[in-house]
Amino acid sequence: MSSDCLFCKIGDGSIPSEKIYESDTLFAINDINPQAPTHILIIPRVHQTSLLDVEKSDHEMMGSVITVANQLAKERGLDKTGYRLVVNCGEGAGQSVLHIHYHILGGRPLKWPPG
């Protein structure tokens, strides 16, 4: 954990947040600046700055992100209409919090390319 990281502080409870999913390795919250009717962040508890920090030992946790994304999407009916799972890597790609996290976006038609 990083003492100055927003997501680490949310994860450890020092910044209050309504978690919509929680496990030993991940938690999920609604994005405070949603870009779609459903916009959820899935955040690993371990502090890694970006995808560039992911190593072979992280593969199980990475797989659990997909499982949790599918679970949350089904709970919100996005499995019927479709959703996007996004991870931005680096500030130039739109990563604004330097702690790896994944966006579930859905609830409206999503265009391509996104940016």
N, C-alpha and C. Protein backbone atom coordinates (compact mmCIF):
# COMPACT_ATOMS: atom_id res chain seq x y z
N MET A 1 0.83 -1.18 0.00
CA MET A 1 0.00 0.00 0.00
C MET A 1 0.87 1.24 0.00
N SER A 2 0.35 2.26 -0.58
CA SER A 2 1.05 3.54 -0.63
C SER A 2 0.28 4.53 0.24
N SER A 3 0.96 5.19 1.14
CA SER A 3 0.29 6.08 2.09
C SER A 3 -0.31 7.32 1.45
N ASP A 4 0.12 7.67 0.24
CA ASP A 4 -0.43 8.86 -0.41
C ASP A 4 -1.35 8.52 -1.59
N CYS A 5 -1.74 7.26 -1.73
CA CYS A 5 -2.57 6.81 -2.86
C CYS A 5 -4.05 6.83 -2.48
N LEU A 6 -4.84 7.52 -3.29
CA LEU A 6 -6.29 7.61 -3.07
C LEU A 6 -6.93 6.23 -2.97
N PHE A 7 -6.63 5.33 -3.91
CA PHE A 7 -7.27 4.02 -3.90
C PHE A 7 -6.80 3.15 -2.74
N CYS A 8 -5.55 3.28 -2.32
CA CYS A 8 -5.08 2.56 -1.14
C CYS A 8 -5.84 3.03 0.11
N LYS A 9 -6.07 4.33 0.19
CA LYS A 9 -6.80 4.89 1.33
C LYS A 9 -8.26 4.46 1.33
N ILE A 10 -8.88 4.39 0.16
CA ILE A 10 -10.25 3.88 0.08
C ILE A 10 -10.27 2.40 0.47
N GLY A 11 -9.30 1.66 -0.02
CA GLY A 11 -9.23 0.23 0.28
C GLY A 11 -9.07 -0.08 1.75
N ASP A 12 -8.27 0.72 2.45
CA ASP A 12 -8.05 0.44 3.88
C ASP A 12 -9.08 1.14 4.78
N GLY A 13 -10.00 1.89 4.18
CA GLY A 13 -11.07 2.52 4.95
C GLY A 13 -10.74 3.89 5.51
N SER A 14 -9.54 4.40 5.27
CA SER A 14 -9.22 5.73 5.81
C SER A 14 -9.92 6.84 5.03
N ILE A 15 -10.35 6.57 3.81
CA ILE A 15 -11.26 7.45 3.08
C ILE A 15 -12.55 6.66 2.90
N PRO A 16 -13.65 7.14 3.47
CA PRO A 16 -14.90 6.37 3.38
C PRO A 16 -15.41 6.27 1.94
N SER A 17 -15.96 5.11 1.63
CA SER A 17 -16.54 4.88 0.31
C SER A 17 -17.51 3.72 0.42
N GLU A 18 -18.53 3.75 -0.42
CA GLU A 18 -19.48 2.64 -0.46
C GLU A 18 -18.95 1.60 -1.43
N LYS A 19 -18.43 0.51 -0.88
CA LYS A 19 -17.91 -0.57 -1.72
C LYS A 19 -19.08 -1.44 -2.17
N ILE A 20 -19.13 -1.73 -3.45
CA ILE A 20 -20.20 -2.58 -3.97
C ILE A 20 -19.72 -4.02 -4.14
N TYR A 21 -18.42 -4.24 -3.97
CA TYR A 21 -17.84 -5.58 -3.95
C TYR A 21 -16.57 -5.48 -3.11
N GLU A 22 -16.29 -6.57 -2.38
CA GLU A 22 -15.10 -6.57 -1.55
C GLU A 22 -14.62 -8.00 -1.34
N SER A 23 -13.31 -8.21 -1.50
CA SER A 23 -12.68 -9.49 -1.17
C SER A 23 -11.31 -9.17 -0.57
N ASP A 24 -10.54 -10.20 -0.29
CA ASP A 24 -9.19 -9.98 0.26
C ASP A 24 -8.27 -9.31 -0.76
N THR A 25 -8.54 -9.49 -2.05
CA THR A 25 -7.63 -9.01 -3.08
C THR A 25 -8.15 -7.83 -3.90
N LEU A 26 -9.49 -7.64 -3.95
CA LEU A 26 -10.09 -6.61 -4.79
C LEU A 26 -11.23 -5.92 -4.06
N PHE A 27 -11.55 -4.72 -4.52
CA PHE A 27 -12.81 -4.09 -4.12
C PHE A 27 -13.32 -3.30 -5.32
N ALA A 28 -14.61 -2.99 -5.29
CA ALA A 28 -15.22 -2.24 -6.39
C ALA A 28 -16.08 -1.12 -5.82
N ILE A 29 -16.06 0.01 -6.52
CA ILE A 29 -16.86 1.18 -6.14
C ILE A 29 -17.46 1.78 -7.41
N ASN A 30 -18.51 2.55 -7.23
CA ASN A 30 -19.04 3.32 -8.35
C ASN A 30 -18.12 4.51 -8.59
N ASP A 31 -17.85 4.80 -9.85
CA ASP A 31 -17.00 5.94 -10.19
C ASP A 31 -17.69 7.25 -9.80
N ILE A 32 -16.95 8.18 -9.21
CA ILE A 32 -17.56 9.45 -8.77
C ILE A 32 -17.79 10.40 -9.94
N ASN A 33 -17.22 10.10 -11.09
CA ASN A 33 -17.41 10.91 -12.30
C ASN A 33 -17.81 9.98 -13.45
N PRO A 34 -19.00 9.40 -13.39
CA PRO A 34 -19.36 8.34 -14.35
C PRO A 34 -19.41 8.84 -15.79
N GLN A 35 -18.89 7.99 -16.67
CA GLN A 35 -18.87 8.26 -18.11
C GLN A 35 -19.92 7.44 -18.85
N ALA A 36 -20.73 6.69 -18.11
CA ALA A 36 -21.82 5.89 -18.66
C ALA A 36 -22.81 5.67 -17.51
N PRO A 37 -24.04 5.26 -17.81
CA PRO A 37 -25.00 5.02 -16.73
C PRO A 37 -24.48 4.05 -15.66
N THR A 38 -23.75 3.04 -16.09
CA THR A 38 -23.03 2.18 -15.15
C THR A 38 -21.55 2.41 -15.36
N HIS A 39 -20.87 2.82 -14.30
CA HIS A 39 -19.42 3.04 -14.36
C HIS A 39 -18.85 2.63 -13.01
N ILE A 40 -18.28 1.45 -13.00
CA ILE A 40 -17.75 0.84 -11.77
C ILE A 40 -16.24 0.71 -11.91
N LEU A 41 -15.53 0.94 -10.82
CA LEU A 41 -14.09 0.71 -10.77
C LEU A 41 -13.81 -0.55 -9.97
N ILE A 42 -13.02 -1.44 -10.52
CA ILE A 42 -12.52 -2.61 -9.81
C ILE A 42 -11.06 -2.32 -9.49
N ILE A 43 -10.72 -2.41 -8.21
CA ILE A 43 -9.40 -1.95 -7.76
C ILE A 43 -8.71 -3.05 -6.95
N PRO A 44 -7.54 -3.51 -7.38
CA PRO A 44 -6.78 -4.45 -6.56
C PRO A 44 -6.31 -3.77 -5.27
N ARG A 45 -6.26 -4.53 -4.19
CA ARG A 45 -5.80 -3.96 -2.92
C ARG A 45 -4.30 -3.72 -2.92
N VAL A 46 -3.55 -4.55 -3.63
CA VAL A 46 -2.11 -4.35 -3.69
C VAL A 46 -1.82 -3.12 -4.56
N HIS A 47 -0.91 -2.28 -4.11
CA HIS A 47 -0.59 -1.08 -4.87
C HIS A 47 0.38 -1.42 -5.99
N GLN A 48 -0.11 -1.22 -7.21
CA GLN A 48 0.73 -1.28 -8.40
C GLN A 48 0.35 -0.04 -9.21
N THR A 49 1.33 0.65 -9.71
CA THR A 49 1.07 1.91 -10.40
C THR A 49 0.26 1.71 -11.68
N SER A 50 0.61 0.71 -12.48
CA SER A 50 -0.07 0.49 -13.75
C SER A 50 0.09 -0.96 -14.20
N LEU A 51 -0.44 -1.26 -15.38
CA LEU A 51 -0.27 -2.59 -15.96
C LEU A 51 1.20 -2.96 -16.12
N LEU A 52 2.05 -1.96 -16.27
CA LEU A 52 3.47 -2.23 -16.43
C LEU A 52 4.09 -2.90 -15.21
N ASP A 53 3.41 -2.84 -14.06
CA ASP A 53 3.92 -3.46 -12.84
C ASP A 53 3.45 -4.90 -12.66
N VAL A 54 2.55 -5.36 -13.51
CA VAL A 54 2.00 -6.71 -13.38
C VAL A 54 3.05 -7.74 -13.79
N GLU A 55 3.18 -8.76 -12.92
CA GLU A 55 4.13 -9.84 -13.17
C GLU A 55 3.40 -11.17 -13.21
N LYS A 56 4.11 -12.21 -13.54
CA LYS A 56 3.51 -13.55 -13.64
C LYS A 56 2.80 -13.95 -12.34
N SER A 57 3.34 -13.54 -11.21
CA SER A 57 2.73 -13.89 -9.92
C SER A 57 1.38 -13.21 -9.70
N ASP A 58 1.04 -12.23 -10.54
CA ASP A 58 -0.22 -11.50 -10.42
C ASP A 58 -1.33 -12.08 -11.30
N HIS A 59 -1.05 -13.12 -12.06
CA HIS A 59 -2.01 -13.65 -13.02
C HIS A 59 -3.31 -14.10 -12.37
N GLU A 60 -3.26 -14.73 -11.20
CA GLU A 60 -4.49 -15.16 -10.53
C GLU A 60 -5.36 -13.96 -10.17
N MET A 61 -4.75 -12.93 -9.63
CA MET A 61 -5.49 -11.73 -9.28
C MET A 61 -6.08 -11.10 -10.54
N MET A 62 -5.33 -11.05 -11.63
CA MET A 62 -5.83 -10.48 -12.88
C MET A 62 -7.04 -11.27 -13.39
N GLY A 63 -6.99 -12.59 -13.27
CA GLY A 63 -8.14 -13.41 -13.66
C GLY A 63 -9.35 -13.13 -12.81
N SER A 64 -9.13 -12.86 -11.52
CA SER A 64 -10.26 -12.58 -10.64
C SER A 64 -10.92 -11.25 -10.99
N VAL A 65 -10.18 -10.33 -11.59
CA VAL A 65 -10.78 -9.07 -12.05
C VAL A 65 -11.86 -9.37 -13.08
N ILE A 66 -11.58 -10.27 -14.01
CA ILE A 66 -12.56 -10.62 -15.05
C ILE A 66 -13.77 -11.30 -14.43
N THR A 67 -13.54 -12.21 -13.50
CA THR A 67 -14.64 -12.90 -12.82
C THR A 67 -15.53 -11.91 -12.09
N VAL A 68 -14.93 -10.97 -11.37
CA VAL A 68 -15.70 -9.96 -10.63
C VAL A 68 -16.42 -9.03 -11.60
N ALA A 69 -15.77 -8.65 -12.69
CA ALA A 69 -16.41 -7.79 -13.69
C ALA A 69 -17.65 -8.48 -14.25
N ASN A 70 -17.55 -9.76 -14.57
CA ASN A 70 -18.70 -10.50 -15.08
C ASN A 70 -19.82 -10.57 -14.05
N GLN A 71 -19.47 -10.82 -12.80
CA GLN A 71 -20.46 -10.89 -11.72
C GLN A 71 -21.20 -9.56 -11.57
N LEU A 72 -20.44 -8.46 -11.50
CA LEU A 72 -21.06 -7.14 -11.34
C LEU A 72 -21.90 -6.77 -12.57
N ALA A 73 -21.43 -7.13 -13.76
CA ALA A 73 -22.19 -6.85 -14.98
C ALA A 73 -23.51 -7.61 -14.98
N LYS A 74 -23.48 -8.87 -14.59
CA LYS A 74 -24.71 -9.67 -14.53
C LYS A 74 -25.68 -9.10 -13.51
N GLU A 75 -25.17 -8.68 -12.35
CA GLU A 75 -26.04 -8.10 -11.32
C GLU A 75 -26.76 -6.85 -11.81
N ARG A 76 -26.17 -6.15 -12.76
CA ARG A 76 -26.75 -4.90 -13.27
C ARG A 76 -27.40 -5.06 -14.65
N GLY A 77 -27.50 -6.30 -15.13
CA GLY A 77 -28.14 -6.56 -16.42
C GLY A 77 -27.30 -6.23 -17.63
N LEU A 78 -26.03 -5.92 -17.42
CA LEU A 78 -25.16 -5.56 -18.54
C LEU A 78 -24.78 -6.77 -19.39
N ASP A 79 -24.97 -7.97 -18.86
CA ASP A 79 -24.68 -9.17 -19.65
C ASP A 79 -25.65 -9.28 -20.82
N LYS A 80 -26.79 -8.64 -20.72
CA LYS A 80 -27.80 -8.67 -21.79
C LYS A 80 -27.58 -7.57 -22.82
N THR A 81 -27.05 -6.43 -22.39
CA THR A 81 -26.90 -5.28 -23.29
C THR A 81 -25.46 -5.02 -23.72
N GLY A 82 -24.51 -5.59 -23.01
CA GLY A 82 -23.10 -5.41 -23.32
C GLY A 82 -22.43 -4.41 -22.39
N TYR A 83 -21.15 -4.60 -22.21
CA TYR A 83 -20.37 -3.68 -21.39
C TYR A 83 -18.93 -3.68 -21.87
N ARG A 84 -18.21 -2.69 -21.43
CA ARG A 84 -16.79 -2.56 -21.76
C ARG A 84 -15.99 -2.64 -20.48
N LEU A 85 -14.88 -3.40 -20.51
CA LEU A 85 -13.94 -3.46 -19.40
C LEU A 85 -12.65 -2.80 -19.89
N VAL A 86 -12.25 -1.71 -19.21
CA VAL A 86 -11.14 -0.88 -19.68
C VAL A 86 -10.11 -0.74 -18.57
N VAL A 87 -8.85 -0.77 -18.97
CA VAL A 87 -7.77 -0.39 -18.06
C VAL A 87 -6.86 0.57 -18.84
N ASN A 88 -6.62 1.71 -18.25
CA ASN A 88 -5.72 2.70 -18.87
C ASN A 88 -4.33 2.51 -18.27
N CYS A 89 -3.32 2.61 -19.09
CA CYS A 89 -1.95 2.40 -18.65
C CYS A 89 -1.13 3.65 -18.93
N GLY A 90 -0.95 4.46 -17.89
CA GLY A 90 -0.16 5.68 -18.01
C GLY A 90 -1.03 6.90 -18.25
N GLU A 91 -0.50 8.03 -17.87
CA GLU A 91 -1.24 9.29 -17.96
C GLU A 91 -1.63 9.63 -19.40
N GLY A 92 -0.78 9.31 -20.37
CA GLY A 92 -1.08 9.58 -21.77
C GLY A 92 -2.26 8.77 -22.30
N ALA A 93 -2.59 7.68 -21.61
CA ALA A 93 -3.74 6.84 -22.00
C ALA A 93 -4.98 7.19 -21.18
N GLY A 94 -4.87 8.19 -20.31
CA GLY A 94 -6.03 8.61 -19.52
C GLY A 94 -6.04 8.12 -18.09
N GLN A 95 -4.96 7.48 -17.63
CA GLN A 95 -4.91 7.02 -16.24
C GLN A 95 -4.68 8.22 -15.33
N SER A 96 -5.67 8.54 -14.50
CA SER A 96 -5.57 9.73 -13.64
C SER A 96 -5.18 9.39 -12.20
N VAL A 97 -5.42 8.15 -11.78
CA VAL A 97 -4.97 7.70 -10.46
C VAL A 97 -3.92 6.63 -10.70
N LEU A 98 -2.73 6.85 -10.19
CA LEU A 98 -1.62 5.94 -10.46
C LEU A 98 -1.64 4.75 -9.49
N HIS A 99 -2.72 3.99 -9.61
CA HIS A 99 -2.93 2.70 -8.94
C HIS A 99 -3.77 1.92 -9.93
N ILE A 100 -3.30 0.77 -10.34
CA ILE A 100 -4.00 0.01 -11.37
C ILE A 100 -5.48 -0.18 -11.00
N HIS A 101 -6.36 0.04 -11.95
CA HIS A 101 -7.79 -0.14 -11.74
C HIS A 101 -8.48 -0.35 -13.08
N TYR A 102 -9.64 -0.94 -13.02
CA TYR A 102 -10.38 -1.37 -14.21
C TYR A 102 -11.75 -0.72 -14.20
N HIS A 103 -12.19 -0.24 -15.34
CA HIS A 103 -13.49 0.42 -15.48
C HIS A 103 -14.47 -0.53 -16.14
N ILE A 104 -15.64 -0.72 -15.53
CA ILE A 104 -16.76 -1.37 -16.19
C ILE A 104 -17.68 -0.25 -16.65
N LEU A 105 -17.94 -0.19 -17.94
CA LEU A 105 -18.80 0.84 -18.52
C LEU A 105 -19.94 0.17 -19.27
N GLY A 106 -21.15 0.63 -19.03
CA GLY A 106 -22.29 0.06 -19.74
C GLY A 106 -23.55 0.85 -19.48
N GLY A 107 -24.65 0.34 -20.00
CA GLY A 107 -25.93 0.99 -19.79
C GLY A 107 -26.32 1.94 -20.91
N ARG A 108 -25.48 2.05 -21.93
CA ARG A 108 -25.78 2.85 -23.12
C ARG A 108 -24.91 2.30 -24.24
N PRO A 109 -25.27 2.59 -25.51
CA PRO A 109 -24.39 2.16 -26.61
C PRO A 109 -23.02 2.84 -26.48
N LEU A 110 -21.98 2.06 -26.62
CA LEU A 110 -20.61 2.56 -26.54
C LEU A 110 -20.01 2.55 -27.94
N LYS A 111 -19.47 3.67 -28.34
CA LYS A 111 -18.91 3.80 -29.70
C LYS A 111 -17.45 3.35 -29.73
N TRP A 112 -16.97 3.10 -30.95
CA TRP A 112 -15.57 2.76 -31.14
C TRP A 112 -15.05 3.55 -32.33
N PRO A 113 -13.89 4.12 -32.30
CA PRO A 113 -12.97 4.13 -31.16
C PRO A 113 -13.45 5.07 -30.06
N PRO A 114 -13.03 4.76 -28.81
CA PRO A 114 -13.53 5.50 -27.67
C PRO A 114 -12.94 6.90 -27.50
N GLY A 115 -11.73 7.15 -27.96
CA GLY A 115 -11.14 8.43 -27.60
C GLY A 115 -10.58 9.18 -28.74
